[in-house]
Structures are given as structure tokens and as C-alpha cells.
Amino acid sequence: MENVYESAHEVKDAIRDARLESCLVQRADLSVLSFDRHVVDRVGFKSVRLGGVGFQNATVQQTTFTGAVLRSAQFGHAHVRGTSFLNSELIETVFQSALIEGTRFMDTRLQNARFGSARVLNSRFNGVELYGCTFERAMLMHTTFADTRMQNAQMSNACFKDAVLIDVDLNQANLYGADFSGALLIKVDLRDANLVNTRFDGARLVGVATERADVSDSLRQALARGGK
């Protein structure tokens, strides 16, 4: 049976050799703790407060955050794999230069979150609010953005400048005012997407599907020159 902790003091005592593993943490305010350079393995965080908490250079694996508040949490250079963020708040959370693999963000608020220079692989963003989110110079591969309830992922004013997107599903995404300047898009699905006022200046497009999309002038020009 997994251990259950309900206070920051209990969690601090449970950490051994910078590892927290195989436990459930619920209804606790952990904002006084830091998990920088820690291994967080098979942990359930339920209804916890982690605002501003550091996970920098940490390994977070097979872990679930449910109803958690992680506003402005710091995951810079972290390795996040096989992890789920469910119905949580990650507004202004920083994933700068992180490696994110096989991870789910579901029904979660990520407005103004920063994924600059991150690598996002085989992951899924479902029912997520990504207004103003930054993926500048990031690499995204085999990743899906969707919203089964509202029919389109909310990504207006998101930034993908100089990013690399390979086999990314943005079907029906609301990308109003987004910026793909200088980006490389390979086999990206933009069908039925809202691309009004979206910028593709200097972007390169290879095998990009845009059927029925509200095409921006910038994208139309990029397609006309072969995405070069």
C-alpha cells in the first residue's frame, strides 16, 4: 500500500537521497519545498499547492498531478516522462529546455507557460488553455493538441518562432495571432485551424495539411513559395 502524506513536513521527511517515490501527497501546501535535482517517481499529487516550486534539473516520471496548483513552477532542464497533469493550473509555469516525453496535459490551464528550447515528444495536450504560450526554438515531435469538448485547441497568440514541429497534430486548433516565424513544419496537420493573423514569415513547410483552414496571408505566401 502506498504511503499517504498530507503536509510539507511529512513530504520532507519522506525524501531520501533526493528521491520521493511511490506515495500519494494530497491536500498539502508544498510551496515551501524544492524538488530541484530530485527524482520524483510514481508519485500522486492530488489537490496540492506547488506554486513557484522548483523542479529544475529534476526527473519526474510516472507521476500524476491532479487538481494541483503549479502556477509559476520551475521545470527548467527537467526530464518529465510518462507523467500526467490533470485538471491543474500551470499558468506561467516554466519548462525551459526541458525534455518532455509521453506526457499528458489534460483539462489544464497553461496560459503564458514557457516551453522555450524544450523537446516535447510523443505527448498530448487535450482540453488545455495555451493562450500566449511560448515554444520558441522548441522541438515538438509526434505530439497532439486537441480539445474534444470545444472542438479546437485554444492556442491564440502562442509563439513557435524558430521551432521545429514534426508530425504534430494541430487539426482545428485556434491559432489566431500565433507566430511561426522562422519555424520548420514537417507533416503538421493544420486542417480546419484558425490561422487568422498567424505569422509564417521565413517558415519552411513540408507536407503540411491546410485544407479548410482560415489561411493567413503569411501562410499563403509561404505555401506559394514552397515553404522556403
Protein backbone atom coordinates (compact mmCIF):
# COMPACT_ATOMS: atom_id res chain seq x y z
CA MET A 1 0.00 0.00 0.00
CA GLU A 2 1.39 3.42 -0.92
CA ASN A 3 2.25 5.93 1.76
CA VAL A 4 -0.08 8.93 2.06
CA TYR A 5 1.22 12.35 3.11
CA GLU A 6 -0.82 15.46 3.89
CA SER A 7 1.76 18.06 4.90
CA ALA A 8 5.01 19.57 3.66
CA HIS A 9 6.70 18.29 6.83
CA GLU A 10 5.71 14.70 6.07
CA VAL A 11 6.88 15.00 2.47
CA LYS A 12 10.20 16.49 3.51
CA ASP A 13 10.75 13.60 5.91
CA ALA A 14 9.86 11.09 3.18
CA ILE A 15 12.57 12.33 0.80
CA ARG A 16 15.62 10.10 0.86
CA ASP A 17 18.76 10.81 -1.15
CA ALA A 18 16.87 13.46 -3.14
CA ARG A 19 14.19 10.92 -4.11
CA LEU A 20 10.45 10.94 -3.49
CA GLU A 21 8.76 7.80 -4.74
CA SER A 22 5.73 5.51 -4.55
CA CYS A 23 3.47 7.74 -2.50
CA LEU A 24 0.34 9.90 -2.58
CA VAL A 25 0.50 13.52 -1.48
CA GLN A 26 -2.87 15.17 -1.01
CA ARG A 27 -4.36 18.45 0.23
CA ALA A 28 -0.95 19.81 1.21
CA ASP A 29 0.75 23.16 0.69
CA LEU A 30 4.21 22.28 -0.62
CA SER A 31 5.16 25.78 -1.71
CA VAL A 32 7.96 25.87 0.88
CA LEU A 33 9.72 22.85 -0.66
CA SER A 34 12.08 22.43 -3.59
CA PHE A 35 12.48 19.38 -5.82
CA ASP A 36 15.41 20.76 -7.79
CA ARG A 37 17.69 17.91 -8.93
CA HIS A 38 15.37 15.38 -7.27
CA VAL A 39 13.88 12.19 -8.66
CA VAL A 40 10.08 12.17 -8.32
CA ASP A 41 8.98 8.67 -9.24
CA ARG A 42 5.44 7.21 -9.23
CA VAL A 43 4.04 9.96 -7.02
CA GLY A 44 0.45 11.16 -6.99
CA PHE A 45 -0.04 14.85 -6.18
CA LYS A 46 -3.73 15.47 -5.52
CA SER A 47 -5.15 18.92 -4.68
CA VAL A 48 -1.75 20.21 -3.62
CA ARG A 49 -0.22 23.68 -3.84
CA LEU A 50 3.11 23.80 -5.68
CA GLY A 51 3.09 27.41 -6.84
CA GLY A 52 6.60 28.60 -7.69
CA VAL A 53 8.16 25.32 -6.58
CA GLY A 54 11.38 24.29 -8.27
CA PHE A 55 11.67 21.06 -10.25
CA GLN A 56 14.72 22.29 -12.12
CA ASN A 57 17.05 19.59 -13.41
CA ALA A 58 14.70 17.06 -11.78
CA THR A 59 13.47 13.74 -13.15
CA VAL A 60 9.69 13.49 -12.84
CA GLN A 61 8.46 10.10 -14.04
CA GLN A 62 5.23 8.11 -13.92
CA THR A 63 3.78 10.83 -11.73
CA THR A 64 0.28 12.35 -11.72
CA PHE A 65 -0.71 15.89 -10.77
CA THR A 66 -4.49 16.08 -10.23
CA GLY A 67 -6.18 19.35 -9.30
CA ALA A 68 -2.77 20.76 -8.46
CA VAL A 69 -1.77 24.42 -8.45
CA LEU A 70 1.64 24.80 -10.09
CA ARG A 71 1.48 28.44 -11.11
CA SER A 72 4.99 29.71 -11.94
CA ALA A 73 6.55 26.35 -11.01
CA GLN A 74 10.03 25.87 -12.48
CA PHE A 75 10.73 22.75 -14.59
CA GLY A 76 13.76 24.18 -16.38
CA HIS A 77 16.05 21.44 -17.78
CA ALA A 78 13.86 18.80 -16.12
CA HIS A 79 13.13 15.37 -17.61
CA VAL A 80 9.37 14.78 -17.45
CA ARG A 81 8.28 11.39 -18.76
CA GLY A 82 5.18 9.26 -18.53
CA THR A 83 3.57 11.94 -16.38
CA SER A 84 0.04 13.41 -16.34
CA PHE A 85 -1.17 16.90 -15.46
CA LEU A 86 -4.94 16.61 -14.96
CA ASN A 87 -7.32 19.49 -14.23
CA SER A 88 -4.43 21.52 -12.87
CA GLU A 89 -3.19 25.11 -13.05
CA LEU A 90 0.17 25.66 -14.74
CA ILE A 91 -0.19 29.33 -15.65
CA GLU A 92 3.24 30.90 -16.28
CA THR A 93 4.95 27.61 -15.48
CA VAL A 94 8.45 27.34 -16.96
CA PHE A 95 9.58 24.25 -18.90
CA GLN A 96 12.59 25.99 -20.47
CA SER A 97 14.96 23.46 -22.10
CA ALA A 98 13.05 20.55 -20.52
CA LEU A 99 12.69 17.09 -22.08
CA ILE A 100 9.03 16.08 -22.02
CA GLU A 101 8.24 12.53 -23.16
CA GLY A 102 4.99 10.58 -23.24
CA THR A 103 3.28 13.14 -21.04
CA ARG A 104 -0.38 14.23 -20.93
CA PHE A 105 -1.69 17.71 -20.18
CA MET A 106 -5.47 17.36 -19.83
CA ASP A 107 -8.09 19.98 -18.87
CA THR A 108 -5.25 22.11 -17.59
CA ARG A 109 -4.51 25.84 -17.73
CA LEU A 110 -1.17 26.67 -19.32
CA GLN A 111 -1.62 30.32 -20.25
CA ASN A 112 1.72 32.08 -20.77
CA ALA A 113 3.66 28.93 -19.91
CA ARG A 114 7.17 28.80 -21.36
CA PHE A 115 8.49 25.81 -23.29
CA GLY A 116 11.35 27.66 -24.95
CA SER A 117 14.07 25.31 -26.30
CA ALA A 118 12.21 22.33 -24.81
CA ARG A 119 11.85 18.95 -26.52
CA VAL A 120 8.27 17.68 -26.45
CA LEU A 121 7.99 14.10 -27.71
CA ASN A 122 5.02 11.73 -28.02
CA SER A 123 2.90 13.92 -25.77
CA ARG A 124 -0.71 15.11 -25.75
CA PHE A 125 -2.34 18.42 -24.87
CA ASN A 126 -6.09 17.84 -24.54
CA GLY A 127 -8.60 20.43 -23.37
CA VAL A 128 -5.73 22.76 -22.47
CA GLU A 129 -5.73 26.56 -22.48
CA LEU A 130 -2.46 27.66 -24.12
CA TYR A 131 -3.10 31.37 -24.73
CA GLY A 132 0.22 33.21 -25.09
CA CYS A 133 2.22 30.03 -24.53
CA THR A 134 5.82 30.08 -25.84
CA PHE A 135 7.50 27.24 -27.72
CA GLU A 136 10.25 29.41 -29.21
CA ARG A 137 13.17 27.30 -30.53
CA ALA A 138 11.47 24.17 -29.16
CA MET A 139 11.29 20.79 -30.90
CA LEU A 140 7.90 19.07 -30.97
CA MET A 141 7.58 15.56 -32.40
CA HIS A 142 4.62 13.15 -32.57
CA THR A 143 2.54 15.44 -30.37
CA THR A 144 -1.17 16.28 -30.45
CA PHE A 145 -3.09 19.41 -29.45
CA ALA A 146 -6.84 18.82 -29.20
CA ASP A 147 -9.99 19.72 -27.34
CA THR A 148 -12.75 17.16 -27.61
CA ARG A 149 -15.21 19.41 -25.75
CA MET A 150 -14.67 22.69 -27.58
CA GLN A 151 -13.58 21.11 -30.89
CA ASN A 152 -10.42 23.19 -31.13
CA ALA A 153 -7.29 23.64 -29.03
CA GLN A 154 -7.09 27.17 -27.61
CA MET A 155 -3.67 28.46 -28.69
CA SER A 156 -4.23 32.07 -29.73
CA ASN A 157 -1.12 34.27 -29.60
CA ALA A 158 1.11 31.24 -28.99
CA CYS A 159 4.72 31.61 -30.13
CA PHE A 160 6.54 28.95 -32.18
CA LYS A 161 9.31 31.18 -33.53
CA ASP A 162 12.29 29.17 -34.85
CA ALA A 163 10.71 25.96 -33.54
CA VAL A 164 10.79 22.55 -35.25
CA LEU A 165 7.47 20.70 -35.49
CA ILE A 166 7.47 17.16 -36.89
CA ASP A 167 4.28 15.09 -37.12
CA VAL A 168 2.32 17.48 -34.90
CA ASP A 169 -1.49 17.43 -34.89
CA LEU A 170 -2.98 20.94 -34.77
CA ASN A 171 -6.20 19.96 -36.52
CA GLN A 172 -8.94 22.51 -35.68
CA ALA A 173 -6.62 24.43 -33.36
CA ASN A 174 -7.39 28.08 -32.64
CA LEU A 175 -4.05 29.66 -33.59
CA TYR A 176 -5.33 33.20 -34.03
CA GLY A 177 -2.36 35.58 -33.88
CA ALA A 178 0.17 32.79 -33.33
CA ASP A 179 3.75 33.24 -34.56
CA PHE A 180 5.56 30.54 -36.57
CA SER A 181 8.22 32.89 -37.94
CA GLY A 182 11.37 31.02 -38.91
CA ALA A 183 9.88 27.67 -37.89
CA LEU A 184 10.25 24.34 -39.68
CA LEU A 185 6.98 22.40 -40.02
CA ILE A 186 7.12 18.83 -41.35
CA LYS A 187 3.94 16.78 -41.70
CA VAL A 188 1.98 19.15 -39.47
CA ASP A 189 -1.82 18.91 -39.57
CA LEU A 190 -3.36 22.39 -39.78
CA ARG A 191 -6.65 21.32 -41.32
CA ASP A 192 -9.65 23.35 -40.17
CA ALA A 193 -7.39 25.50 -37.99
CA ASN A 194 -7.99 29.19 -37.29
CA LEU A 195 -4.89 30.84 -38.76
CA VAL A 196 -6.18 34.40 -38.96
CA ASN A 197 -3.35 36.88 -38.27
CA THR A 198 -0.94 33.96 -37.82
CA ARG A 199 2.63 34.68 -38.92
CA PHE A 200 4.76 32.29 -41.00
CA ASP A 201 7.46 34.76 -42.08
CA GLY A 202 10.54 32.80 -43.14
CA ALA A 203 8.92 29.49 -42.14
CA ARG A 204 9.58 26.27 -44.07
CA LEU A 205 6.67 23.91 -44.64
CA VAL A 206 7.00 20.30 -45.80
CA GLY A 207 3.92 18.11 -46.19
CA VAL A 208 1.72 20.48 -44.17
CA ALA A 209 -2.05 19.94 -44.49
CA THR A 210 -4.11 23.15 -44.53
CA GLU A 211 -7.44 22.06 -46.03
CA ARG A 212 -10.38 24.18 -44.83
CA ALA A 213 -8.11 26.29 -42.62
CA ASP A 214 -8.66 30.03 -42.29
CA VAL A 215 -5.38 30.75 -44.05
CA SER A 216 -3.38 33.83 -43.09
CA ASP A 217 -1.68 35.94 -45.75
CA SER A 218 1.67 34.92 -44.29
CA LEU A 219 0.87 31.22 -44.68
CA ARG A 220 -0.50 31.73 -48.19
CA GLN A 221 2.79 33.36 -49.17
CA ALA A 222 4.82 30.56 -47.56
CA LEU A 223 2.81 27.92 -49.42
CA ALA A 224 3.16 29.84 -52.70
CA ARG A 225 6.95 29.78 -52.44
CA GLY A 226 7.00 26.11 -51.49
CA GLY A 227 7.54 26.76 -47.83
CA LYS A 228 11.05 28.10 -48.43
